[in-house]
Amino acid sequence: HAFYYLTGVDVTGAAGTIVTYGDSITNGHNSTPDADHRYSDD
């Protein structure tokens, strides 16, 4: 359940980016794996 070497995917035509910065709570620890339920996803 880790990522290797891959640190970003960028797109053109968007209006900018909101960065969520922090520790395990920002990271989404203990949310459902493979379900994208971090607070940043919501």
Full PDB file with SEQRES, HELIX, SHEET, SSBOND, CRYST1, ORIGX, SCALE, CONECT and MASTER records, all heavy atoms in Angstrom:
SEQRES   1 A   42  HIS ALA PHE TYR TYR LEU THR GLY VAL ASP VAL THR GLY          
SEQRES   2 A   42  ALA ALA GLY THR ILE VAL THR TYR GLY ASP SER ILE THR          
SEQRES   3 A   42  ASN GLY HIS ASN SER THR PRO ASP ALA ASP HIS ARG TYR          
SEQRES   4 A   42  SER ASP ASP                                                  
HELIX    1 AA1 SER A   24  ASN A   27  1                                   4    
CRYST1    1.000    1.000    1.000  90.00  90.00  90.00 P 1           1          
ORIGX1      1.000000  0.000000  0.000000        0.00000                         
ORIGX2      0.000000  1.000000  0.000000        0.00000                         
ORIGX3      0.000000  0.000000  1.000000        0.00000                         
SCALE1      1.000000  0.000000  0.000000        0.00000                         
SCALE2      0.000000  1.000000  0.000000        0.00000                         
SCALE3      0.000000  0.000000  1.000000        0.00000                         
ATOM      1  N   HIS A   1       0.830  -1.203   0.000  1.00  0.00           N  
ATOM      2  CA  HIS A   1       0.000   0.000   0.000  1.00  0.00           C  
ATOM      3  C   HIS A   1       0.865   1.253   0.000  1.00  0.00           C  
ATOM      4  O   HIS A   1       0.490   2.281   0.557  1.00  0.00           O  
ATOM      5  CB  HIS A   1      -0.933   0.001   1.207  1.00  0.00           C  
ATOM      6  CG  HIS A   1      -2.183  -0.789   0.998  1.00  0.00           C  
ATOM      7  ND1 HIS A   1      -3.053  -1.086   2.015  1.00  0.00           N  
ATOM      8  CD2 HIS A   1      -2.717  -1.351  -0.125  1.00  0.00           C  
ATOM      9  CE1 HIS A   1      -4.063  -1.796   1.527  1.00  0.00           C  
ATOM     10  NE2 HIS A   1      -3.876  -1.963   0.236  1.00  0.00           N  
ATOM     11  N   ALA A   2       2.010   1.175  -0.656  1.00  0.00           N  
ATOM     12  CA  ALA A   2       2.925   2.314  -0.737  1.00  0.00           C  
ATOM     13  C   ALA A   2       3.030   2.797  -2.181  1.00  0.00           C  
ATOM     14  O   ALA A   2       2.667   2.082  -3.122  1.00  0.00           O  
ATOM     15  CB  ALA A   2       4.301   1.932  -0.203  1.00  0.00           C  
ATOM     16  N   PHE A   3       3.535   4.026  -2.330  1.00  0.00           N  
ATOM     17  CA  PHE A   3       3.883   4.551  -3.647  1.00  0.00           C  
ATOM     18  C   PHE A   3       5.402   4.587  -3.763  1.00  0.00           C  
ATOM     19  O   PHE A   3       6.097   4.897  -2.790  1.00  0.00           O  
ATOM     20  CB  PHE A   3       3.325   5.969  -3.846  1.00  0.00           C  
ATOM     21  CG  PHE A   3       1.830   6.023  -3.930  1.00  0.00           C  
ATOM     22  CD1 PHE A   3       1.076   6.594  -2.916  1.00  0.00           C  
ATOM     23  CD2 PHE A   3       1.170   5.524  -5.051  1.00  0.00           C  
ATOM     24  CE1 PHE A   3      -0.299   6.642  -2.987  1.00  0.00           C  
ATOM     25  CE2 PHE A   3      -0.220   5.573  -5.135  1.00  0.00           C  
ATOM     26  CZ  PHE A   3      -0.952   6.132  -4.101  1.00  0.00           C  
ATOM     27  N   TYR A   4       5.922   4.305  -4.963  1.00  0.00           N  
ATOM     28  CA  TYR A   4       7.361   4.258  -5.198  1.00  0.00           C  
ATOM     29  C   TYR A   4       7.737   5.212  -6.325  1.00  0.00           C  
ATOM     30  O   TYR A   4       7.194   5.120  -7.436  1.00  0.00           O  
ATOM     31  CB  TYR A   4       7.798   2.833  -5.534  1.00  0.00           C  
ATOM     32  CG  TYR A   4       7.467   1.873  -4.414  1.00  0.00           C  
ATOM     33  CD1 TYR A   4       6.241   1.223  -4.377  1.00  0.00           C  
ATOM     34  CD2 TYR A   4       8.357   1.675  -3.357  1.00  0.00           C  
ATOM     35  CE1 TYR A   4       5.912   0.376  -3.334  1.00  0.00           C  
ATOM     36  CE2 TYR A   4       8.036   0.834  -2.308  1.00  0.00           C  
ATOM     37  CZ  TYR A   4       6.815   0.192  -2.296  1.00  0.00           C  
ATOM     38  OH  TYR A   4       6.485  -0.627  -1.237  1.00  0.00           O  
ATOM     39  N   TYR A   5       8.610   6.153  -5.997  1.00  0.00           N  
ATOM     40  CA  TYR A   5       9.171   7.111  -6.955  1.00  0.00           C  
ATOM     41  C   TYR A   5       8.139   8.120  -7.470  1.00  0.00           C  
ATOM     42  O   TYR A   5       8.498   9.246  -7.810  1.00  0.00           O  
ATOM     43  CB  TYR A   5       9.806   6.408  -8.158  1.00  0.00           C  
ATOM     44  CG  TYR A   5      10.803   5.342  -7.802  1.00  0.00           C  
ATOM     45  CD1 TYR A   5      10.608   4.016  -8.180  1.00  0.00           C  
ATOM     46  CD2 TYR A   5      11.949   5.658  -7.068  1.00  0.00           C  
ATOM     47  CE1 TYR A   5      11.532   3.035  -7.851  1.00  0.00           C  
ATOM     48  CE2 TYR A   5      12.871   4.679  -6.730  1.00  0.00           C  
ATOM     49  CZ  TYR A   5      12.660   3.367  -7.127  1.00  0.00           C  
ATOM     50  OH  TYR A   5      13.557   2.395  -6.797  1.00  0.00           O  
ATOM     51  N   LEU A   6       6.876   7.756  -7.519  1.00  0.00           N  
ATOM     52  CA  LEU A   6       5.841   8.603  -8.100  1.00  0.00           C  
ATOM     53  C   LEU A   6       5.442   9.682  -7.092  1.00  0.00           C  
ATOM     54  O   LEU A   6       4.856   9.392  -6.055  1.00  0.00           O  
ATOM     55  CB  LEU A   6       4.629   7.757  -8.482  1.00  0.00           C  
ATOM     56  CG  LEU A   6       3.479   8.467  -9.189  1.00  0.00           C  
ATOM     57  CD1 LEU A   6       3.929   9.059 -10.512  1.00  0.00           C  
ATOM     58  CD2 LEU A   6       2.317   7.484  -9.408  1.00  0.00           C  
ATOM     59  N   THR A   7       5.751  10.936  -7.413  1.00  0.00           N  
ATOM     60  CA  THR A   7       5.507  12.016  -6.463  1.00  0.00           C  
ATOM     61  C   THR A   7       4.496  13.047  -6.951  1.00  0.00           C  
ATOM     62  O   THR A   7       4.062  13.889  -6.172  1.00  0.00           O  
ATOM     63  CB  THR A   7       6.830  12.712  -6.086  1.00  0.00           C  
ATOM     64  OG1 THR A   7       6.633  13.566  -4.966  1.00  0.00           O  
ATOM     65  CG2 THR A   7       7.398  13.506  -7.241  1.00  0.00           C  
ATOM     66  N   GLY A   8       4.102  12.993  -8.233  1.00  0.00           N  
ATOM     67  CA  GLY A   8       3.106  13.959  -8.676  1.00  0.00           C  
ATOM     68  C   GLY A   8       2.549  13.661 -10.054  1.00  0.00           C  
ATOM     69  O   GLY A   8       3.238  13.079 -10.907  1.00  0.00           O  
ATOM     70  N   VAL A   9       1.291  14.029 -10.254  1.00  0.00           N  
ATOM     71  CA  VAL A   9       0.651  14.041 -11.570  1.00  0.00           C  
ATOM     72  C   VAL A   9       0.049  15.434 -11.731  1.00  0.00           C  
ATOM     73  O   VAL A   9      -0.780  15.865 -10.914  1.00  0.00           O  
ATOM     74  CB  VAL A   9      -0.446  12.978 -11.697  1.00  0.00           C  
ATOM     75  CG1 VAL A   9      -1.115  13.068 -13.068  1.00  0.00           C  
ATOM     76  CG2 VAL A   9       0.113  11.580 -11.469  1.00  0.00           C  
ATOM     77  N   ASP A  10       0.492  16.153 -12.760  1.00  0.00           N  
ATOM     78  CA  ASP A  10       0.046  17.516 -13.010  1.00  0.00           C  
ATOM     79  C   ASP A  10      -0.786  17.562 -14.281  1.00  0.00           C  
ATOM     80  O   ASP A  10      -0.620  16.729 -15.186  1.00  0.00           O  
ATOM     81  CB  ASP A  10       1.239  18.456 -13.177  1.00  0.00           C  
ATOM     82  CG  ASP A  10       2.244  18.350 -12.047  1.00  0.00           C  
ATOM     83  OD1 ASP A  10       1.821  18.102 -10.898  1.00  0.00           O  
ATOM     84  OD2 ASP A  10       3.455  18.506 -12.313  1.00  0.00           O  
ATOM     85  N   VAL A  11      -1.675  18.558 -14.360  1.00  0.00           N  
ATOM     86  CA  VAL A  11      -2.493  18.729 -15.556  1.00  0.00           C  
ATOM     87  C   VAL A  11      -2.452  20.178 -16.009  1.00  0.00           C  
ATOM     88  O   VAL A  11      -2.141  21.084 -15.226  1.00  0.00           O  
ATOM     89  CB  VAL A  11      -3.959  18.303 -15.298  1.00  0.00           C  
ATOM     90  CG1 VAL A  11      -4.046  16.836 -14.938  1.00  0.00           C  
ATOM     91  CG2 VAL A  11      -4.607  19.178 -14.220  1.00  0.00           C  
ATOM     92  N   THR A  12      -2.750  20.400 -17.280  1.00  0.00           N  
ATOM     93  CA  THR A  12      -2.936  21.756 -17.798  1.00  0.00           C  
ATOM     94  C   THR A  12      -4.424  22.055 -17.872  1.00  0.00           C  
ATOM     95  O   THR A  12      -5.248  21.146 -17.969  1.00  0.00           O  
ATOM     96  CB  THR A  12      -2.322  21.917 -19.194  1.00  0.00           C  
ATOM     97  OG1 THR A  12      -2.918  20.950 -20.088  1.00  0.00           O  
ATOM     98  CG2 THR A  12      -0.819  21.708 -19.172  1.00  0.00           C  
ATOM     99  N   GLY A  13      -4.743  23.343 -17.834  1.00  0.00           N  
ATOM    100  CA  GLY A  13      -6.133  23.750 -17.962  1.00  0.00           C  
ATOM    101  C   GLY A  13      -6.889  23.819 -16.654  1.00  0.00           C  
ATOM    102  O   GLY A  13      -8.078  24.157 -16.635  1.00  0.00           O  
ATOM    103  N   ALA A  14      -6.234  23.510 -15.532  1.00  0.00           N  
ATOM    104  CA  ALA A  14      -6.882  23.629 -14.228  1.00  0.00           C  
ATOM    105  C   ALA A  14      -6.711  25.052 -13.702  1.00  0.00           C  
ATOM    106  O   ALA A  14      -5.993  25.872 -14.273  1.00  0.00           O  
ATOM    107  CB  ALA A  14      -6.301  22.623 -13.251  1.00  0.00           C  
ATOM    108  N   ALA A  15      -7.356  25.345 -12.574  1.00  0.00           N  
ATOM    109  CA  ALA A  15      -7.352  26.699 -12.023  1.00  0.00           C  
ATOM    110  C   ALA A  15      -6.381  26.862 -10.862  1.00  0.00           C  
ATOM    111  O   ALA A  15      -6.408  27.873 -10.177  1.00  0.00           O  
ATOM    112  CB  ALA A  15      -8.757  27.061 -11.562  1.00  0.00           C  
ATOM    113  N   GLY A  16      -5.501  25.890 -10.670  1.00  0.00           N  
ATOM    114  CA  GLY A  16      -4.575  25.941  -9.547  1.00  0.00           C  
ATOM    115  C   GLY A  16      -4.812  24.778  -8.610  1.00  0.00           C  
ATOM    116  O   GLY A  16      -5.657  23.899  -8.859  1.00  0.00           O  
ATOM    117  N   THR A  17      -4.069  24.772  -7.500  1.00  0.00           N  
ATOM    118  CA  THR A  17      -4.058  23.621  -6.603  1.00  0.00           C  
ATOM    119  C   THR A  17      -4.185  24.044  -5.147  1.00  0.00           C  
ATOM    120  O   THR A  17      -3.565  25.017  -4.715  1.00  0.00           O  
ATOM    121  CB  THR A  17      -2.757  22.817  -6.796  1.00  0.00           C  
ATOM    122  OG1 THR A  17      -2.739  22.273  -8.123  1.00  0.00           O  
ATOM    123  CG2 THR A  17      -2.649  21.681  -5.799  1.00  0.00           C  
ATOM    124  N   ILE A  18      -4.990  23.278  -4.400  1.00  0.00           N  
ATOM    125  CA  ILE A  18      -5.054  23.360  -2.950  1.00  0.00           C  
ATOM    126  C   ILE A  18      -4.179  22.239  -2.404  1.00  0.00           C  
ATOM    127  O   ILE A  18      -4.372  21.077  -2.772  1.00  0.00           O  
ATOM    128  CB  ILE A  18      -6.493  23.177  -2.433  1.00  0.00           C  
ATOM    129  CG1 ILE A  18      -7.476  24.088  -3.166  1.00  0.00           C  
ATOM    130  CG2 ILE A  18      -6.543  23.372  -0.921  1.00  0.00           C  
ATOM    131  CD1 ILE A  18      -7.201  25.548  -3.044  1.00  0.00           C  
ATOM    132  N   VAL A  19      -3.220  22.556  -1.552  1.00  0.00           N  
ATOM    133  CA  VAL A  19      -2.345  21.544  -0.964  1.00  0.00           C  
ATOM    134  C   VAL A  19      -2.801  21.256   0.456  1.00  0.00           C  
ATOM    135  O   VAL A  19      -2.979  22.181   1.261  1.00  0.00           O  
ATOM    136  CB  VAL A  19      -0.879  22.008  -0.964  1.00  0.00           C  
ATOM    137  CG1 VAL A  19       0.012  20.990  -0.258  1.00  0.00           C  
ATOM    138  CG2 VAL A  19      -0.382  22.226  -2.393  1.00  0.00           C  
ATOM    139  N   THR A  20      -3.019  19.983   0.775  1.00  0.00           N  
ATOM    140  CA  THR A  20      -3.291  19.586   2.153  1.00  0.00           C  
ATOM    141  C   THR A  20      -2.002  19.031   2.733  1.00  0.00           C  
ATOM    142  O   THR A  20      -1.422  18.089   2.206  1.00  0.00           O  
ATOM    143  CB  THR A  20      -4.424  18.551   2.232  1.00  0.00           C  
ATOM    144  OG1 THR A  20      -4.081  17.374   1.496  1.00  0.00           O  
ATOM    145  CG2 THR A  20      -5.717  19.127   1.673  1.00  0.00           C  
ATOM    146  N   TYR A  21      -1.565  19.636   3.831  1.00  0.00           N  
ATOM    147  CA  TYR A  21      -0.228  19.395   4.371  1.00  0.00           C  
ATOM    148  C   TYR A  21      -0.327  18.934   5.815  1.00  0.00           C  
ATOM    149  O   TYR A  21      -1.045  19.551   6.611  1.00  0.00           O  
ATOM    150  CB  TYR A  21       0.596  20.679   4.297  1.00  0.00           C  
ATOM    151  CG  TYR A  21       2.026  20.517   4.759  1.00  0.00           C  
ATOM    152  CD1 TYR A  21       2.992  20.035   3.886  1.00  0.00           C  
ATOM    153  CD2 TYR A  21       2.396  20.829   6.061  1.00  0.00           C  
ATOM    154  CE1 TYR A  21       4.296  19.867   4.310  1.00  0.00           C  
ATOM    155  CE2 TYR A  21       3.707  20.662   6.485  1.00  0.00           C  
ATOM    156  CZ  TYR A  21       4.652  20.183   5.605  1.00  0.00           C  
ATOM    157  OH  TYR A  21       5.945  20.005   6.021  1.00  0.00           O  
ATOM    158  N   GLY A  22       0.396  17.875   6.166  1.00  0.00           N  
ATOM    159  CA  GLY A  22       0.353  17.462   7.556  1.00  0.00           C  
ATOM    160  C   GLY A  22       0.861  16.062   7.807  1.00  0.00           C  
ATOM    161  O   GLY A  22       1.758  15.566   7.126  1.00  0.00           O  
ATOM    162  N   ASP A  23       0.259  15.414   8.800  1.00  0.00           N  
ATOM    163  CA  ASP A  23       0.722  14.118   9.286  1.00  0.00           C  
ATOM    164  C   ASP A  23      -0.258  13.024   8.869  1.00  0.00           C  
ATOM    165  O   ASP A  23      -0.881  13.108   7.811  1.00  0.00           O  
ATOM    166  CB  ASP A  23       0.939  14.185  10.803  1.00  0.00           C  
ATOM    167  CG  ASP A  23      -0.278  14.738  11.550  1.00  0.00           C  
ATOM    168  OD1 ASP A  23      -1.413  14.466  11.140  1.00  0.00           O  
ATOM    169  OD2 ASP A  23      -0.081  15.441  12.563  1.00  0.00           O  
ATOM    170  N   SER A  24      -0.421  11.991   9.719  1.00  0.00           N  
ATOM    171  CA  SER A  24      -1.235  10.840   9.330  1.00  0.00           C  
ATOM    172  C   SER A  24      -2.704  11.185   9.137  1.00  0.00           C  
ATOM    173  O   SER A  24      -3.394  10.534   8.352  1.00  0.00           O  
ATOM    174  CB  SER A  24      -1.103   9.733  10.383  1.00  0.00           C  
ATOM    175  OG  SER A  24      -1.463  10.188  11.671  1.00  0.00           O  
ATOM    176  N   ILE A  25      -3.196  12.200   9.850  1.00  0.00           N  
ATOM    177  CA  ILE A  25      -4.602  12.568   9.678  1.00  0.00           C  
ATOM    178  C   ILE A  25      -4.816  13.190   8.309  1.00  0.00           C  
ATOM    179  O   ILE A  25      -5.798  12.893   7.623  1.00  0.00           O  
ATOM    180  CB  ILE A  25      -5.054  13.474  10.839  1.00  0.00           C  
ATOM    181  CG1 ILE A  25      -5.076  12.646  12.137  1.00  0.00           C  
ATOM    182  CG2 ILE A  25      -6.425  14.073  10.558  1.00  0.00           C  
ATOM    183  CD1 ILE A  25      -5.445  13.427  13.367  1.00  0.00           C  
ATOM    184  N   THR A  26      -3.914  14.046   7.868  1.00  0.00           N  
ATOM    185  CA  THR A  26      -3.981  14.528   6.482  1.00  0.00           C  
ATOM    186  C   THR A  26      -3.784  13.382   5.507  1.00  0.00           C  
ATOM    187  O   THR A  26      -4.473  13.286   4.482  1.00  0.00           O  
ATOM    188  CB  THR A  26      -2.919  15.616   6.246  1.00  0.00           C  
ATOM    189  OG1 THR A  26      -3.280  16.787   6.980  1.00  0.00           O  
ATOM    190  CG2 THR A  26      -2.808  15.974   4.770  1.00  0.00           C  
ATOM    191  N   ASN A  27      -2.853  12.484   5.821  1.00  0.00           N  
ATOM    192  CA  ASN A  27      -2.571  11.361   4.934  1.00  0.00           C  
ATOM    193  C   ASN A  27      -3.765  10.420   4.785  1.00  0.00           C  
ATOM    194  O   ASN A  27      -3.863   9.685   3.809  1.00  0.00           O  
ATOM    195  CB  ASN A  27      -1.359  10.583   5.447  1.00  0.00           C  
ATOM    196  CG  ASN A  27      -0.792   9.635   4.429  1.00  0.00           C  
ATOM    197  OD1 ASN A  27      -0.361  10.042   3.363  1.00  0.00           O  
ATOM    198  ND2 ASN A  27      -0.811   8.345   4.738  1.00  0.00           N  
ATOM    199  N   GLY A  28      -4.667  10.429   5.783  1.00  0.00           N  
ATOM    200  CA  GLY A  28      -5.859   9.585   5.713  1.00  0.00           C  
ATOM    201  C   GLY A  28      -5.711   8.249   6.396  1.00  0.00           C  
ATOM    202  O   GLY A  28      -6.475   7.317   6.109  1.00  0.00           O  
ATOM    203  N   HIS A  29      -4.761   8.145   7.331  1.00  0.00           N  
ATOM    204  CA  HIS A  29      -4.514   6.873   8.008  1.00  0.00           C  
ATOM    205  C   HIS A  29      -5.805   6.317   8.621  1.00  0.00           C  
ATOM    206  O   HIS A  29      -6.584   7.045   9.222  1.00  0.00           O  
ATOM    207  CB  HIS A  29      -3.466   7.059   9.100  1.00  0.00           C  
ATOM    208  CG  HIS A  29      -3.046   5.785   9.761  1.00  0.00           C  
ATOM    209  ND1 HIS A  29      -2.291   4.824   9.117  1.00  0.00           N  
ATOM    210  CD2 HIS A  29      -3.283   5.306  11.016  1.00  0.00           C  
ATOM    211  CE1 HIS A  29      -2.071   3.825   9.942  1.00  0.00           C  
ATOM    212  NE2 HIS A  29      -2.666   4.090  11.099  1.00  0.00           N  
ATOM    213  N   ASN A  30      -5.993   5.014   8.445  1.00  0.00           N  
ATOM    214  CA  ASN A  30      -7.153   4.255   8.923  1.00  0.00           C  
ATOM    215  C   ASN A  30      -8.428   4.525   8.122  1.00  0.00           C  
ATOM    216  O   ASN A  30      -9.493   4.011   8.482  1.00  0.00           O  
ATOM    217  CB  ASN A  30      -7.434   4.488  10.409  1.00  0.00           C  
ATOM    218  CG  ASN A  30      -6.501   3.695  11.302  1.00  0.00           C  
ATOM    219  OD1 ASN A  30      -5.660   2.943  10.831  1.00  0.00           O  
ATOM    220  ND2 ASN A  30      -6.634   3.870  12.615  1.00  0.00           N  
ATOM    221  N   SER A  31      -8.345   5.294   7.045  1.00  0.00           N  
ATOM    222  CA  SER A  31      -9.477   5.327   6.122  1.00  0.00           C  
ATOM    223  C   SER A  31      -9.454   4.034   5.308  1.00  0.00           C  
ATOM    224  O   SER A  31      -8.472   3.288   5.313  1.00  0.00           O  
ATOM    225  CB  SER A  31      -9.406   6.551   5.204  1.00  0.00           C  
ATOM    226  OG  SER A  31      -8.263   6.498   4.364  1.00  0.00           O  
ATOM    227  N   THR A  32     -10.535   3.752   4.608  1.00  0.00           N  
ATOM    228  CA  THR A  32     -10.655   2.489   3.880  1.00  0.00           C  
ATOM    229  C   THR A  32      -9.677   2.441   2.710  1.00  0.00           C  
ATOM    230  O   THR A  32      -9.725   3.317   1.834  1.00  0.00           O  
ATOM    231  CB  THR A  32     -12.086   2.297   3.361  1.00  0.00           C  
ATOM    232  OG1 THR A  32     -12.997   2.354   4.457  1.00  0.00           O  
ATOM    233  CG2 THR A  32     -12.225   0.971   2.632  1.00  0.00           C  
ATOM    234  N   PRO A  33      -8.773   1.441   2.667  1.00  0.00           N  
ATOM    235  CA  PRO A  33      -7.836   1.355   1.548  1.00  0.00           C  
ATOM    236  C   PRO A  33      -8.558   1.202   0.206  1.00  0.00           C  
ATOM    237  O   PRO A  33      -9.627   0.591   0.124  1.00  0.00           O  
ATOM    238  CB  PRO A  33      -7.008   0.105   1.882  1.00  0.00           C  
ATOM    239  CG  PRO A  33      -7.131  -0.065   3.366  1.00  0.00           C  
ATOM    240  CD  PRO A  33      -8.523   0.403   3.686  1.00  0.00           C  
ATOM    241  N   ASP A  34      -7.962   1.781  -0.812  1.00  0.00           N  
ATOM    242  CA  ASP A  34      -8.472   1.694  -2.186  1.00  0.00           C  
ATOM    243  C   ASP A  34      -9.856   2.311  -2.356  1.00  0.00           C  
ATOM    244  O   ASP A  34     -10.539   2.052  -3.350  1.00  0.00           O  
ATOM    245  CB  ASP A  34      -8.497   0.242  -2.674  1.00  0.00           C  
ATOM    246  CG  ASP A  34      -7.112  -0.336  -2.861  1.00  0.00           C  
ATOM    247  OD1 ASP A  34      -6.252   0.343  -3.445  1.00  0.00           O  
ATOM    248  OD2 ASP A  34      -6.872  -1.470  -2.394  1.00  0.00           O  
ATOM    249  N   ALA A  35     -10.277   3.139  -1.401  1.00  0.00           N  
ATOM    250  CA  ALA A  35     -11.596   3.763  -1.492  1.00  0.00           C  
ATOM    251  C   ALA A  35     -11.525   5.278  -1.602  1.00  0.00           C  
ATOM    252  O   ALA A  35     -12.552   5.920  -1.831  1.00  0.00           O  
ATOM    253  CB  ALA A  35     -12.447   3.384  -0.280  1.00  0.00           C  
ATOM    254  N   ASP A  36     -10.334   5.874  -1.429  1.00  0.00           N  
ATOM    255  CA  ASP A  36     -10.150   7.318  -1.554  1.00  0.00           C  
ATOM    256  C   ASP A  36     -11.096   8.087  -0.637  1.00  0.00           C  
ATOM    257  O   ASP A  36     -11.911   8.902  -1.086  1.00  0.00           O  
ATOM    258  CB  ASP A  36     -10.328   7.762  -3.011  1.00  0.00           C  
ATOM    259  CG  ASP A  36      -9.281   7.135  -3.916  1.00  0.00           C  
ATOM    260  OD1 ASP A  36      -8.084   7.399  -3.711  1.00  0.00           O  
ATOM    261  OD2 ASP A  36      -9.665   6.362  -4.818  1.00  0.00           O  
ATOM    262  N   HIS A  37     -10.952   7.830   0.667  1.00  0.00           N  
ATOM    263  CA  HIS A  37     -11.762   8.524   1.660  1.00  0.00           C  
ATOM    264  C   HIS A  37     -10.912   9.352   2.617  1.00  0.00           C  
ATOM    265  O   HIS A  37     -11.303   9.577   3.760  1.00  0.00           O  
ATOM    266  CB  HIS A  37     -12.620   7.529   2.441  1.00  0.00           C  
ATOM    267  CG  HIS A  37     -13.823   7.049   1.695  1.00  0.00           C  
ATOM    268  ND1 HIS A  37     -14.678   7.910   1.042  1.00  0.00           N  
ATOM    269  CD2 HIS A  37     -14.309   5.802   1.480  1.00  0.00           C  
ATOM    270  CE1 HIS A  37     -15.646   7.207   0.462  1.00  0.00           C  
ATOM    271  NE2 HIS A  37     -15.445   5.927   0.712  1.00  0.00           N  
ATOM    272  N   ARG A  38      -9.752   9.821   2.161  1.00  0.00           N  
ATOM    273  CA  ARG A  38      -9.019  10.822   2.923  1.00  0.00           C  
ATOM    274  C   ARG A  38      -9.839  12.118   2.923  1.00  0.00           C  
ATOM    275  O   ARG A  38     -10.676  12.316   2.042  1.00  0.00           O  
ATOM    276  CB  ARG A  38      -7.657  11.083   2.290  1.00  0.00           C  
ATOM    277  CG  ARG A  38      -6.849   9.831   1.962  1.00  0.00           C  
ATOM    278  CD  ARG A  38      -5.742  10.150   0.967  1.00  0.00           C  
ATOM    279  NE  ARG A  38      -5.078   8.963   0.458  1.00  0.00           N  
ATOM    280  CZ  ARG A  38      -5.494   8.240  -0.581  1.00  0.00           C  
ATOM    281  NH1 ARG A  38      -6.598   8.600  -1.241  1.00  0.00           N  
ATOM    282  NH2 ARG A  38      -4.828   7.182  -0.974  1.00  0.00           N  
ATOM    283  N   TYR A  39      -9.560  13.014   3.861  1.00  0.00           N  
ATOM    284  CA  TYR A  39     -10.336  14.257   3.827  1.00  0.00           C  
ATOM    285  C   TYR A  39     -10.047  15.047   2.563  1.00  0.00           C  
ATOM    286  O   TYR A  39     -10.919  15.749   2.032  1.00  0.00           O  
ATOM    287  CB  TYR A  39     -10.116  15.071   5.102  1.00  0.00           C  
ATOM    288  CG  TYR A  39      -9.147  16.225   5.040  1.00  0.00           C  
ATOM    289  CD1 TYR A  39      -9.505  17.454   4.472  1.00  0.00           C  
ATOM    290  CD2 TYR A  39      -7.860  16.109   5.578  1.00  0.00           C  
ATOM    291  CE1 TYR A  39      -8.617  18.526   4.436  1.00  0.00           C  
ATOM    292  CE2 TYR A  39      -6.977  17.182   5.556  1.00  0.00           C  
ATOM    293  CZ  TYR A  39      -7.348  18.381   4.975  1.00  0.00           C  
ATOM    294  OH  TYR A  39      -6.470  19.442   4.944  1.00  0.00           O  
ATOM    295  N   SER A  40      -8.832  14.909   2.035  1.00  0.00           N  
ATOM    296  CA  SER A  40      -8.496  15.615   0.791  1.00  0.00           C  
ATOM    297  C   SER A  40      -9.323  15.106  -0.389  1.00  0.00           C  
ATOM    298  O   SER A  40      -9.665  15.877  -1.300  1.00  0.00           O  
ATOM    299  CB  SER A  40      -7.005  15.465   0.488  1.00  0.00           C  
ATOM    300  OG  SER A  40      -6.640  14.093   0.412  1.00  0.00           O  
ATOM    301  N   ASP A  41      -9.648  13.808  -0.402  1.00  0.00           N  
ATOM    302  CA  ASP A  41     -10.485  13.266  -1.470  1.00  0.00           C  
ATOM    303  C   ASP A  41     -11.893  13.840  -1.398  1.00  0.00           C  
ATOM    304  O   ASP A  41     -12.481  14.229  -2.412  1.00  0.00           O  
ATOM    305  CB  ASP A  41     -10.545  11.736  -1.373  1.00  0.00           C  
ATOM    306  CG  ASP A  41      -9.198  11.076  -1.541  1.00  0.00           C  
ATOM    307  OD1 ASP A  41      -8.488  11.421  -2.498  1.00  0.00           O  
ATOM    308  OD2 ASP A  41      -8.842  10.223  -0.713  1.00  0.00           O  
ATOM    309  N   ASP A  42     -12.450  13.881  -0.182  1.00  0.00           N  
ATOM    310  CA  ASP A  42     -13.784  14.450  -0.014  1.00  0.00           C  
ATOM    311  C   ASP A  42     -13.782  15.950  -0.322  1.00  0.00           C  
ATOM    312  O   ASP A  42     -14.756  16.484  -0.877  1.00  0.00           O  
ATOM    313  CB  ASP A  42     -14.284  14.204   1.406  1.00  0.00           C  
ATOM    314  CG  ASP A  42     -14.583  12.733   1.675  1.00  0.00           C  
ATOM    315  OD1 ASP A  42     -15.257  12.115   0.842  1.00  0.00           O  
ATOM    316  OD2 ASP A  42     -14.132  12.202   2.693  1.00  0.00           O  
TER     317      ASP A  42                                                      
MASTER        0    0    0    1    0    0    0    6  316    1    0    4          
END                                                                             
